[in-house]
Protein backbone atom coordinates (compact mmCIF):
# COMPACT_ATOMS: atom_id res chain seq x y z
CA UNK A 1 0.00 0.00 0.00
CA UNK A 2 1.11 3.54 -0.76
CA UNK A 3 1.33 6.02 2.11
CA UNK A 4 -0.51 9.17 1.01
CA UNK A 5 1.77 11.37 3.12
CA UNK A 6 4.80 10.15 1.15
CA UNK A 7 3.14 11.25 -2.08
CA UNK A 8 2.12 14.62 -0.64
CA UNK A 9 5.71 15.18 0.49
CA UNK A 10 6.78 14.87 -3.15
CA UNK A 11 3.98 16.90 -4.69
CA UNK A 12 4.38 19.82 -2.25
CA UNK A 13 7.71 20.46 -3.96
CA UNK A 14 6.29 20.43 -7.50
CA UNK A 15 6.00 24.19 -7.86
CA UNK A 16 8.21 26.53 -9.88
CA UNK A 17 9.62 28.01 -6.66
CA UNK A 18 10.44 24.72 -4.94
CA UNK A 19 11.11 22.18 -7.69
CA UNK A 20 14.44 20.39 -8.00
CA UNK A 21 13.61 18.73 -11.32
CA UNK A 22 16.80 18.42 -13.35
CA UNK A 23 15.64 17.39 -16.83
CA UNK A 24 12.60 16.57 -18.92
CA UNK A 25 12.64 14.40 -22.02
CA UNK A 26 9.93 13.00 -24.22
CA UNK A 27 8.70 11.53 -27.45
CA UNK A 28 5.66 12.27 -29.61
CA UNK A 29 3.87 9.26 -31.12
CA UNK A 30 1.03 8.80 -33.55
CA UNK A 31 -1.78 6.34 -32.80
CA UNK A 32 0.14 3.57 -34.60
CA UNK A 33 3.17 4.01 -32.36
CA UNK A 34 5.33 5.78 -34.93
CA UNK A 35 7.68 8.30 -33.32
CA UNK A 36 7.13 11.83 -34.70
CA UNK A 37 9.91 13.52 -32.72
CA UNK A 38 11.77 13.65 -29.42
CA UNK A 39 13.15 16.29 -27.08
CA UNK A 40 15.48 16.40 -24.08
CA UNK A 41 16.23 19.57 -22.11
CA UNK A 42 17.46 20.94 -18.82
CA UNK A 43 14.37 21.73 -16.74
CA UNK A 44 15.89 25.01 -15.53
CA UNK A 45 16.09 26.26 -19.11
CA UNK A 46 12.31 26.20 -19.53
CA UNK A 47 10.28 29.40 -19.27
CA UNK A 48 8.18 29.87 -16.14
CA UNK A 49 5.03 28.99 -18.11
CA UNK A 50 6.59 25.82 -19.51
CA UNK A 51 7.79 24.81 -16.04
CA UNK A 52 4.28 25.24 -14.64
CA UNK A 53 2.69 23.25 -17.46
CA UNK A 54 5.16 20.38 -17.19
CA UNK A 55 5.11 20.25 -13.41
CA UNK A 56 1.31 19.91 -13.59
CA UNK A 57 1.80 16.86 -15.83
CA UNK A 58 4.39 15.30 -13.52
CA UNK A 59 2.36 16.07 -10.38
CA UNK A 60 -0.68 14.22 -11.73
CA UNK A 61 1.03 10.88 -11.13
CA UNK A 62 1.87 11.07 -7.37
CA UNK A 63 -1.04 13.40 -6.55
CA UNK A 64 -3.67 11.02 -7.95
CA UNK A 65 -5.94 8.95 -5.71
CA UNK A 66 -3.60 6.77 -3.70
CA UNK A 67 -4.18 3.01 -3.99
CA UNK A 68 -6.91 3.66 -6.58
CA UNK A 69 -5.45 5.49 -9.59
CA UNK A 70 -1.93 5.02 -8.24
CA UNK A 71 -0.99 1.51 -7.15
CA UNK A 72 2.24 -0.05 -5.94
CA UNK A 73 3.70 -3.14 -7.58
CA UNK A 74 6.63 -5.26 -6.48
CA UNK A 75 9.04 -5.99 -9.30
CA UNK A 76 9.80 -9.72 -9.39
CA UNK A 77 13.44 -10.73 -9.17
CA UNK A 78 13.11 -12.36 -12.59
CA UNK A 79 12.20 -8.95 -14.06
CA UNK A 80 15.36 -7.32 -12.67
CA UNK A 81 17.88 -9.25 -14.73
CA UNK A 82 20.26 -7.94 -17.40
CA UNK A 83 18.41 -6.63 -20.44
CA UNK A 84 15.16 -6.02 -18.53
CA UNK A 85 13.04 -2.86 -18.60
CA UNK A 86 13.89 -2.46 -14.91
CA UNK A 87 17.60 -2.32 -15.80
CA UNK A 88 16.79 0.19 -18.56
CA UNK A 89 14.91 2.44 -16.12
CA UNK A 90 17.76 2.20 -13.62
CA UNK A 91 20.15 3.31 -16.35
CA UNK A 92 17.91 6.21 -17.37
CA UNK A 93 17.65 7.31 -13.74
CA UNK A 94 21.37 7.00 -13.05
CA UNK A 95 22.34 9.08 -16.09
CA UNK A 96 19.75 11.72 -15.21
CA UNK A 97 18.12 11.52 -18.69
CA UNK A 98 21.41 12.44 -20.34
CA UNK A 99 21.67 9.28 -22.46
CA UNK A 100 19.41 9.65 -25.51
CA UNK A 101 20.12 6.08 -26.66
CA UNK A 102 18.57 4.67 -23.47
CA UNK A 103 15.59 6.98 -23.79
CA UNK A 104 15.07 6.06 -27.45
CA UNK A 105 15.03 2.38 -26.48
CA UNK A 106 12.39 3.12 -23.84
CA UNK A 107 10.23 5.10 -26.29
CA UNK A 108 10.42 2.26 -28.81
CA UNK A 109 9.32 -0.28 -26.19
CA UNK A 110 6.36 1.92 -25.23
CA UNK A 111 5.45 2.42 -28.89
CA UNK A 112 5.41 -1.34 -29.46
CA UNK A 113 3.13 -2.04 -26.49
CA UNK A 114 0.97 0.96 -25.65
CA UNK A 115 -2.64 0.71 -26.87
CA UNK A 116 -3.96 4.07 -28.06
CA UNK A 117 -6.56 5.33 -30.53
CA UNK A 118 -5.01 8.78 -30.77
CA UNK A 119 -1.68 10.59 -30.92
CA UNK A 120 0.14 10.75 -27.61
CA UNK A 121 3.36 11.84 -25.92
CA UNK A 122 5.63 10.09 -23.46
CA UNK A 123 7.13 12.51 -20.93
CA UNK A 124 9.97 11.50 -18.61
CA UNK A 125 11.04 13.67 -15.67
CA UNK A 126 14.15 13.29 -13.51
CA UNK A 127 14.41 14.68 -10.00
CA UNK A 128 16.75 14.51 -7.02
CA UNK A 129 15.04 15.17 -3.71
CA UNK A 130 17.24 15.92 -0.70
CA UNK A 131 15.06 14.16 1.89
CA UNK A 132 15.27 16.10 5.17
CA UNK A 133 15.51 14.39 8.52
CA UNK A 134 12.37 14.83 10.62
CA UNK A 135 12.08 14.62 14.38
CA UNK A 136 9.51 12.48 16.18
CA UNK A 137 7.10 15.43 16.15
CA UNK A 138 7.53 15.62 12.32
CA UNK A 139 9.34 18.95 12.51
CA UNK A 140 12.07 19.31 9.90
CA UNK A 141 15.56 19.20 11.44
CA UNK A 142 17.33 20.67 8.41
CA UNK A 143 20.03 18.18 7.50
CA UNK A 144 19.51 15.70 4.68
CA UNK A 145 18.80 12.05 5.39
CA UNK A 146 19.32 10.80 1.82
CA UNK A 147 18.93 11.85 -1.79
CA UNK A 148 15.91 10.24 -3.43
CA UNK A 149 16.63 10.12 -7.15
CA UNK A 150 13.63 9.16 -9.25
CA UNK A 151 11.77 9.20 -12.54
CA UNK A 152 8.20 10.16 -13.33
CA UNK A 153 6.79 8.96 -16.63
CA UNK A 154 3.50 10.32 -17.99
CA UNK A 155 1.74 9.23 -21.18
CA UNK A 156 -0.60 11.97 -22.38
CA UNK A 157 -2.89 12.41 -25.38
CA UNK A 158 -1.78 15.27 -27.64
CA UNK A 159 -3.48 17.45 -30.21
CA UNK A 160 -2.04 18.27 -33.62
CA UNK A 161 0.16 21.01 -32.20
CA UNK A 162 1.61 18.64 -29.58
CA UNK A 163 -0.41 20.20 -26.77
CA UNK A 164 -0.69 17.56 -24.01
CA UNK A 165 -3.85 16.57 -22.20
CA UNK A 166 -4.17 14.93 -18.79
CA UNK A 167 -1.99 11.82 -18.36
CA UNK A 168 -3.66 8.50 -19.14
CA UNK A 169 -0.91 6.28 -17.77
CA UNK A 170 2.39 6.69 -16.00
CA UNK A 171 4.62 5.66 -13.15
CA UNK A 172 6.89 6.77 -10.33
CA UNK A 173 10.15 4.81 -10.09
CA UNK A 174 11.67 3.83 -7.76
CA UNK A 175 8.78 3.88 -5.31
CA UNK A 176 8.99 6.40 -2.45
CA UNK A 177 8.29 4.32 0.64
CA UNK A 178 8.71 5.41 4.26
CA UNK A 179 10.44 8.55 2.96
CA UNK A 180 13.04 6.53 1.11
CA UNK A 181 13.51 5.13 -2.39
CA UNK A 182 12.88 1.42 -2.97
CA UNK A 183 14.01 0.12 -6.36
CA UNK A 184 12.16 -3.15 -5.81
CA UNK A 185 8.83 -1.37 -6.28
CA UNK A 186 7.17 0.87 -8.86
CA UNK A 187 4.01 2.98 -8.50
CA UNK A 188 1.81 2.80 -11.61
CA UNK A 189 -0.83 5.39 -12.50
CA UNK A 190 -4.01 4.67 -14.46
CA UNK A 191 -6.43 7.48 -15.26
CA UNK A 192 -9.15 4.83 -15.61
CA UNK A 193 -8.27 1.98 -13.23
CA UNK A 194 -11.33 0.05 -14.38
CA UNK A 195 -9.67 -0.20 -17.81
CA UNK A 196 -5.98 -0.67 -17.00
CA UNK A 197 -3.20 -0.79 -19.57
CA UNK A 198 -2.30 -4.39 -18.84
CA UNK A 199 0.12 -4.39 -21.74
CA UNK A 200 2.29 -1.88 -19.89
CA UNK A 201 2.32 -3.89 -16.67
CA UNK A 202 3.46 -6.85 -18.75
CA UNK A 203 6.15 -4.71 -20.39
CA UNK A 204 7.54 -3.96 -16.93
CA UNK A 205 7.59 -7.68 -16.15
CA UNK A 206 5.14 -7.43 -13.26
C-alpha atoms as a PDB file:
ATOM      1  CA  UNK A   1       0.000   0.000   0.000  1.00  0.00           C
ATOM      2  CA  UNK A   2       1.110   3.544  -0.755  1.00  0.00           C
ATOM      3  CA  UNK A   3       1.331   6.024   2.106  1.00  0.00           C
ATOM      4  CA  UNK A   4      -0.511   9.172   1.007  1.00  0.00           C
ATOM      5  CA  UNK A   5       1.770  11.366   3.115  1.00  0.00           C
ATOM      6  CA  UNK A   6       4.798  10.150   1.147  1.00  0.00           C
ATOM      7  CA  UNK A   7       3.137  11.253  -2.085  1.00  0.00           C
ATOM      8  CA  UNK A   8       2.123  14.616  -0.643  1.00  0.00           C
ATOM      9  CA  UNK A   9       5.706  15.180   0.486  1.00  0.00           C
ATOM     10  CA  UNK A  10       6.780  14.867  -3.146  1.00  0.00           C
ATOM     11  CA  UNK A  11       3.981  16.903  -4.687  1.00  0.00           C
ATOM     12  CA  UNK A  12       4.376  19.819  -2.254  1.00  0.00           C
ATOM     13  CA  UNK A  13       7.707  20.464  -3.964  1.00  0.00           C
ATOM     14  CA  UNK A  14       6.291  20.429  -7.496  1.00  0.00           C
ATOM     15  CA  UNK A  15       6.000  24.186  -7.855  1.00  0.00           C
ATOM     16  CA  UNK A  16       8.207  26.528  -9.879  1.00  0.00           C
ATOM     17  CA  UNK A  17       9.624  28.012  -6.664  1.00  0.00           C
ATOM     18  CA  UNK A  18      10.440  24.722  -4.943  1.00  0.00           C
ATOM     19  CA  UNK A  19      11.107  22.180  -7.688  1.00  0.00           C
ATOM     20  CA  UNK A  20      14.443  20.394  -7.996  1.00  0.00           C
ATOM     21  CA  UNK A  21      13.612  18.726 -11.324  1.00  0.00           C
ATOM     22  CA  UNK A  22      16.804  18.417 -13.349  1.00  0.00           C
ATOM     23  CA  UNK A  23      15.639  17.385 -16.829  1.00  0.00           C
ATOM     24  CA  UNK A  24      12.602  16.572 -18.916  1.00  0.00           C
ATOM     25  CA  UNK A  25      12.641  14.396 -22.016  1.00  0.00           C
ATOM     26  CA  UNK A  26       9.929  13.002 -24.222  1.00  0.00           C
ATOM     27  CA  UNK A  27       8.702  11.528 -27.454  1.00  0.00           C
ATOM     28  CA  UNK A  28       5.659  12.270 -29.610  1.00  0.00           C
ATOM     29  CA  UNK A  29       3.868   9.260 -31.120  1.00  0.00           C
ATOM     30  CA  UNK A  30       1.030   8.797 -33.548  1.00  0.00           C
ATOM     31  CA  UNK A  31      -1.776   6.337 -32.805  1.00  0.00           C
ATOM     32  CA  UNK A  32       0.139   3.569 -34.599  1.00  0.00           C
ATOM     33  CA  UNK A  33       3.169   4.012 -32.360  1.00  0.00           C
ATOM     34  CA  UNK A  34       5.327   5.778 -34.927  1.00  0.00           C
ATOM     35  CA  UNK A  35       7.683   8.299 -33.321  1.00  0.00           C
ATOM     36  CA  UNK A  36       7.135  11.826 -34.702  1.00  0.00           C
ATOM     37  CA  UNK A  37       9.911  13.515 -32.725  1.00  0.00           C
ATOM     38  CA  UNK A  38      11.767  13.653 -29.420  1.00  0.00           C
ATOM     39  CA  UNK A  39      13.152  16.291 -27.079  1.00  0.00           C
ATOM     40  CA  UNK A  40      15.482  16.403 -24.078  1.00  0.00           C
ATOM     41  CA  UNK A  41      16.233  19.569 -22.107  1.00  0.00           C
ATOM     42  CA  UNK A  42      17.463  20.940 -18.816  1.00  0.00           C
ATOM     43  CA  UNK A  43      14.374  21.731 -16.744  1.00  0.00           C
ATOM     44  CA  UNK A  44      15.885  25.011 -15.532  1.00  0.00           C
ATOM     45  CA  UNK A  45      16.093  26.258 -19.115  1.00  0.00           C
ATOM     46  CA  UNK A  46      12.308  26.205 -19.529  1.00  0.00           C
ATOM     47  CA  UNK A  47      10.279  29.397 -19.265  1.00  0.00           C
ATOM     48  CA  UNK A  48       8.178  29.871 -16.144  1.00  0.00           C
ATOM     49  CA  UNK A  49       5.033  28.993 -18.114  1.00  0.00           C
ATOM     50  CA  UNK A  50       6.594  25.822 -19.506  1.00  0.00           C
ATOM     51  CA  UNK A  51       7.790  24.807 -16.045  1.00  0.00           C
ATOM     52  CA  UNK A  52       4.279  25.236 -14.637  1.00  0.00           C
ATOM     53  CA  UNK A  53       2.688  23.245 -17.459  1.00  0.00           C
ATOM     54  CA  UNK A  54       5.161  20.381 -17.195  1.00  0.00           C
ATOM     55  CA  UNK A  55       5.114  20.254 -13.410  1.00  0.00           C
ATOM     56  CA  UNK A  56       1.312  19.913 -13.595  1.00  0.00           C
ATOM     57  CA  UNK A  57       1.796  16.861 -15.829  1.00  0.00           C
ATOM     58  CA  UNK A  58       4.388  15.304 -13.520  1.00  0.00           C
ATOM     59  CA  UNK A  59       2.359  16.074 -10.383  1.00  0.00           C
ATOM     60  CA  UNK A  60      -0.679  14.222 -11.732  1.00  0.00           C
ATOM     61  CA  UNK A  61       1.034  10.881 -11.126  1.00  0.00           C
ATOM     62  CA  UNK A  62       1.869  11.068  -7.369  1.00  0.00           C
ATOM     63  CA  UNK A  63      -1.039  13.403  -6.548  1.00  0.00           C
ATOM     64  CA  UNK A  64      -3.667  11.024  -7.955  1.00  0.00           C
ATOM     65  CA  UNK A  65      -5.936   8.952  -5.713  1.00  0.00           C
ATOM     66  CA  UNK A  66      -3.603   6.771  -3.703  1.00  0.00           C
ATOM     67  CA  UNK A  67      -4.180   3.011  -3.995  1.00  0.00           C
ATOM     68  CA  UNK A  68      -6.910   3.663  -6.583  1.00  0.00           C
ATOM     69  CA  UNK A  69      -5.451   5.495  -9.588  1.00  0.00           C
ATOM     70  CA  UNK A  70      -1.927   5.018  -8.244  1.00  0.00           C
ATOM     71  CA  UNK A  71      -0.995   1.511  -7.149  1.00  0.00           C
ATOM     72  CA  UNK A  72       2.243  -0.048  -5.944  1.00  0.00           C
ATOM     73  CA  UNK A  73       3.702  -3.143  -7.576  1.00  0.00           C
ATOM     74  CA  UNK A  74       6.626  -5.263  -6.482  1.00  0.00           C
ATOM     75  CA  UNK A  75       9.042  -5.986  -9.303  1.00  0.00           C
ATOM     76  CA  UNK A  76       9.803  -9.719  -9.395  1.00  0.00           C
ATOM     77  CA  UNK A  77      13.440 -10.734  -9.166  1.00  0.00           C
ATOM     78  CA  UNK A  78      13.112 -12.360 -12.594  1.00  0.00           C
ATOM     79  CA  UNK A  79      12.203  -8.952 -14.057  1.00  0.00           C
ATOM     80  CA  UNK A  80      15.357  -7.323 -12.673  1.00  0.00           C
ATOM     81  CA  UNK A  81      17.875  -9.254 -14.732  1.00  0.00           C
ATOM     82  CA  UNK A  82      20.256  -7.942 -17.396  1.00  0.00           C
ATOM     83  CA  UNK A  83      18.407  -6.630 -20.438  1.00  0.00           C
ATOM     84  CA  UNK A  84      15.156  -6.025 -18.531  1.00  0.00           C
ATOM     85  CA  UNK A  85      13.042  -2.864 -18.604  1.00  0.00           C
ATOM     86  CA  UNK A  86      13.893  -2.461 -14.912  1.00  0.00           C
ATOM     87  CA  UNK A  87      17.597  -2.317 -15.804  1.00  0.00           C
ATOM     88  CA  UNK A  88      16.786   0.190 -18.558  1.00  0.00           C
ATOM     89  CA  UNK A  89      14.908   2.437 -16.123  1.00  0.00           C
ATOM     90  CA  UNK A  90      17.761   2.204 -13.619  1.00  0.00           C
ATOM     91  CA  UNK A  91      20.148   3.306 -16.353  1.00  0.00           C
ATOM     92  CA  UNK A  92      17.910   6.214 -17.375  1.00  0.00           C
ATOM     93  CA  UNK A  93      17.651   7.310 -13.739  1.00  0.00           C
ATOM     94  CA  UNK A  94      21.368   6.996 -13.051  1.00  0.00           C
ATOM     95  CA  UNK A  95      22.339   9.085 -16.090  1.00  0.00           C
ATOM     96  CA  UNK A  96      19.751  11.723 -15.211  1.00  0.00           C
ATOM     97  CA  UNK A  97      18.119  11.524 -18.687  1.00  0.00           C
ATOM     98  CA  UNK A  98      21.414  12.442 -20.345  1.00  0.00           C
ATOM     99  CA  UNK A  99      21.668   9.284 -22.461  1.00  0.00           C
ATOM    100  CA  UNK A 100      19.408   9.646 -25.506  1.00  0.00           C
ATOM    101  CA  UNK A 101      20.118   6.083 -26.658  1.00  0.00           C
ATOM    102  CA  UNK A 102      18.570   4.668 -23.471  1.00  0.00           C
ATOM    103  CA  UNK A 103      15.590   6.976 -23.793  1.00  0.00           C
ATOM    104  CA  UNK A 104      15.073   6.057 -27.450  1.00  0.00           C
ATOM    105  CA  UNK A 105      15.034   2.378 -26.479  1.00  0.00           C
ATOM    106  CA  UNK A 106      12.390   3.117 -23.840  1.00  0.00           C
ATOM    107  CA  UNK A 107      10.230   5.095 -26.286  1.00  0.00           C
ATOM    108  CA  UNK A 108      10.415   2.258 -28.812  1.00  0.00           C
ATOM    109  CA  UNK A 109       9.322  -0.277 -26.192  1.00  0.00           C
ATOM    110  CA  UNK A 110       6.362   1.916 -25.226  1.00  0.00           C
ATOM    111  CA  UNK A 111       5.446   2.424 -28.894  1.00  0.00           C
ATOM    112  CA  UNK A 112       5.408  -1.339 -29.456  1.00  0.00           C
ATOM    113  CA  UNK A 113       3.129  -2.042 -26.488  1.00  0.00           C
ATOM    114  CA  UNK A 114       0.966   0.957 -25.649  1.00  0.00           C
ATOM    115  CA  UNK A 115      -2.637   0.709 -26.869  1.00  0.00           C
ATOM    116  CA  UNK A 116      -3.965   4.068 -28.058  1.00  0.00           C
ATOM    117  CA  UNK A 117      -6.558   5.331 -30.533  1.00  0.00           C
ATOM    118  CA  UNK A 118      -5.014   8.777 -30.766  1.00  0.00           C
ATOM    119  CA  UNK A 119      -1.681  10.591 -30.920  1.00  0.00           C
ATOM    120  CA  UNK A 120       0.143  10.749 -27.610  1.00  0.00           C
ATOM    121  CA  UNK A 121       3.359  11.843 -25.917  1.00  0.00           C
ATOM    122  CA  UNK A 122       5.634  10.090 -23.461  1.00  0.00           C
ATOM    123  CA  UNK A 123       7.129  12.512 -20.930  1.00  0.00           C
ATOM    124  CA  UNK A 124       9.967  11.497 -18.607  1.00  0.00           C
ATOM    125  CA  UNK A 125      11.044  13.673 -15.673  1.00  0.00           C
ATOM    126  CA  UNK A 126      14.146  13.287 -13.513  1.00  0.00           C
ATOM    127  CA  UNK A 127      14.411  14.681 -10.003  1.00  0.00           C
ATOM    128  CA  UNK A 128      16.753  14.508  -7.019  1.00  0.00           C
ATOM    129  CA  UNK A 129      15.042  15.167  -3.707  1.00  0.00           C
ATOM    130  CA  UNK A 130      17.238  15.916  -0.700  1.00  0.00           C
ATOM    131  CA  UNK A 131      15.055  14.159   1.892  1.00  0.00           C
ATOM    132  CA  UNK A 132      15.267  16.101   5.174  1.00  0.00           C
ATOM    133  CA  UNK A 133      15.507  14.392   8.525  1.00  0.00           C
ATOM    134  CA  UNK A 134      12.367  14.827  10.616  1.00  0.00           C
ATOM    135  CA  UNK A 135      12.078  14.615  14.383  1.00  0.00           C
ATOM    136  CA  UNK A 136       9.514  12.480  16.178  1.00  0.00           C
ATOM    137  CA  UNK A 137       7.102  15.427  16.151  1.00  0.00           C
ATOM    138  CA  UNK A 138       7.532  15.624  12.321  1.00  0.00           C
ATOM    139  CA  UNK A 139       9.343  18.949  12.506  1.00  0.00           C
ATOM    140  CA  UNK A 140      12.074  19.306   9.897  1.00  0.00           C
ATOM    141  CA  UNK A 141      15.558  19.200  11.438  1.00  0.00           C
ATOM    142  CA  UNK A 142      17.330  20.668   8.414  1.00  0.00           C
ATOM    143  CA  UNK A 143      20.031  18.182   7.501  1.00  0.00           C
ATOM    144  CA  UNK A 144      19.510  15.700   4.681  1.00  0.00           C
ATOM    145  CA  UNK A 145      18.796  12.051   5.388  1.00  0.00           C
ATOM    146  CA  UNK A 146      19.317  10.799   1.820  1.00  0.00           C
ATOM    147  CA  UNK A 147      18.930  11.852  -1.791  1.00  0.00           C
ATOM    148  CA  UNK A 148      15.908  10.244  -3.433  1.00  0.00           C
ATOM    149  CA  UNK A 149      16.630  10.122  -7.151  1.00  0.00           C
ATOM    150  CA  UNK A 150      13.629   9.157  -9.253  1.00  0.00           C
ATOM    151  CA  UNK A 151      11.774   9.203 -12.545  1.00  0.00           C
ATOM    152  CA  UNK A 152       8.203  10.161 -13.332  1.00  0.00           C
ATOM    153  CA  UNK A 153       6.786   8.964 -16.627  1.00  0.00           C
ATOM    154  CA  UNK A 154       3.503  10.320 -17.988  1.00  0.00           C
ATOM    155  CA  UNK A 155       1.743   9.230 -21.179  1.00  0.00           C
ATOM    156  CA  UNK A 156      -0.597  11.975 -22.381  1.00  0.00           C
ATOM    157  CA  UNK A 157      -2.892  12.415 -25.378  1.00  0.00           C
ATOM    158  CA  UNK A 158      -1.782  15.267 -27.642  1.00  0.00           C
ATOM    159  CA  UNK A 159      -3.480  17.453 -30.210  1.00  0.00           C
ATOM    160  CA  UNK A 160      -2.038  18.266 -33.621  1.00  0.00           C
ATOM    161  CA  UNK A 161       0.165  21.010 -32.198  1.00  0.00           C
ATOM    162  CA  UNK A 162       1.609  18.643 -29.579  1.00  0.00           C
ATOM    163  CA  UNK A 163      -0.408  20.201 -26.768  1.00  0.00           C
ATOM    164  CA  UNK A 164      -0.693  17.557 -24.015  1.00  0.00           C
ATOM    165  CA  UNK A 165      -3.855  16.567 -22.199  1.00  0.00           C
ATOM    166  CA  UNK A 166      -4.168  14.932 -18.788  1.00  0.00           C
ATOM    167  CA  UNK A 167      -1.988  11.817 -18.364  1.00  0.00           C
ATOM    168  CA  UNK A 168      -3.664   8.498 -19.140  1.00  0.00           C
ATOM    169  CA  UNK A 169      -0.911   6.276 -17.771  1.00  0.00           C
ATOM    170  CA  UNK A 170       2.388   6.690 -15.999  1.00  0.00           C
ATOM    171  CA  UNK A 171       4.624   5.664 -13.155  1.00  0.00           C
ATOM    172  CA  UNK A 172       6.891   6.774 -10.333  1.00  0.00           C
ATOM    173  CA  UNK A 173      10.153   4.814 -10.088  1.00  0.00           C
ATOM    174  CA  UNK A 174      11.670   3.825  -7.762  1.00  0.00           C
ATOM    175  CA  UNK A 175       8.785   3.884  -5.314  1.00  0.00           C
ATOM    176  CA  UNK A 176       8.990   6.396  -2.448  1.00  0.00           C
ATOM    177  CA  UNK A 177       8.289   4.317   0.637  1.00  0.00           C
ATOM    178  CA  UNK A 178       8.713   5.412   4.264  1.00  0.00           C
ATOM    179  CA  UNK A 179      10.437   8.550   2.957  1.00  0.00           C
ATOM    180  CA  UNK A 180      13.036   6.527   1.106  1.00  0.00           C
ATOM    181  CA  UNK A 181      13.511   5.131  -2.393  1.00  0.00           C
ATOM    182  CA  UNK A 182      12.885   1.421  -2.966  1.00  0.00           C
ATOM    183  CA  UNK A 183      14.014   0.124  -6.356  1.00  0.00           C
ATOM    184  CA  UNK A 184      12.160  -3.155  -5.808  1.00  0.00           C
ATOM    185  CA  UNK A 185       8.826  -1.370  -6.276  1.00  0.00           C
ATOM    186  CA  UNK A 186       7.168   0.866  -8.863  1.00  0.00           C
ATOM    187  CA  UNK A 187       4.005   2.978  -8.504  1.00  0.00           C
ATOM    188  CA  UNK A 188       1.813   2.796 -11.606  1.00  0.00           C
ATOM    189  CA  UNK A 189      -0.832   5.389 -12.501  1.00  0.00           C
ATOM    190  CA  UNK A 190      -4.015   4.674 -14.456  1.00  0.00           C
ATOM    191  CA  UNK A 191      -6.433   7.482 -15.259  1.00  0.00           C
ATOM    192  CA  UNK A 192      -9.152   4.829 -15.611  1.00  0.00           C
ATOM    193  CA  UNK A 193      -8.271   1.981 -13.234  1.00  0.00           C
ATOM    194  CA  UNK A 194     -11.332   0.051 -14.380  1.00  0.00           C
ATOM    195  CA  UNK A 195      -9.671  -0.199 -17.810  1.00  0.00           C
ATOM    196  CA  UNK A 196      -5.976  -0.670 -16.996  1.00  0.00           C
ATOM    197  CA  UNK A 197      -3.205  -0.790 -19.572  1.00  0.00           C
ATOM    198  CA  UNK A 198      -2.304  -4.390 -18.839  1.00  0.00           C
ATOM    199  CA  UNK A 199       0.123  -4.388 -21.738  1.00  0.00           C
ATOM    200  CA  UNK A 200       2.293  -1.877 -19.890  1.00  0.00           C
ATOM    201  CA  UNK A 201       2.324  -3.891 -16.668  1.00  0.00           C
ATOM    202  CA  UNK A 202       3.458  -6.851 -18.751  1.00  0.00           C
ATOM    203  CA  UNK A 203       6.150  -4.711 -20.392  1.00  0.00           C
ATOM    204  CA  UNK A 204       7.544  -3.960 -16.931  1.00  0.00           C
ATOM    205  CA  UNK A 205       7.587  -7.678 -16.150  1.00  0.00           C
ATOM    206  CA  UNK A 206       5.139  -7.432 -13.262  1.00  0.00           C
END
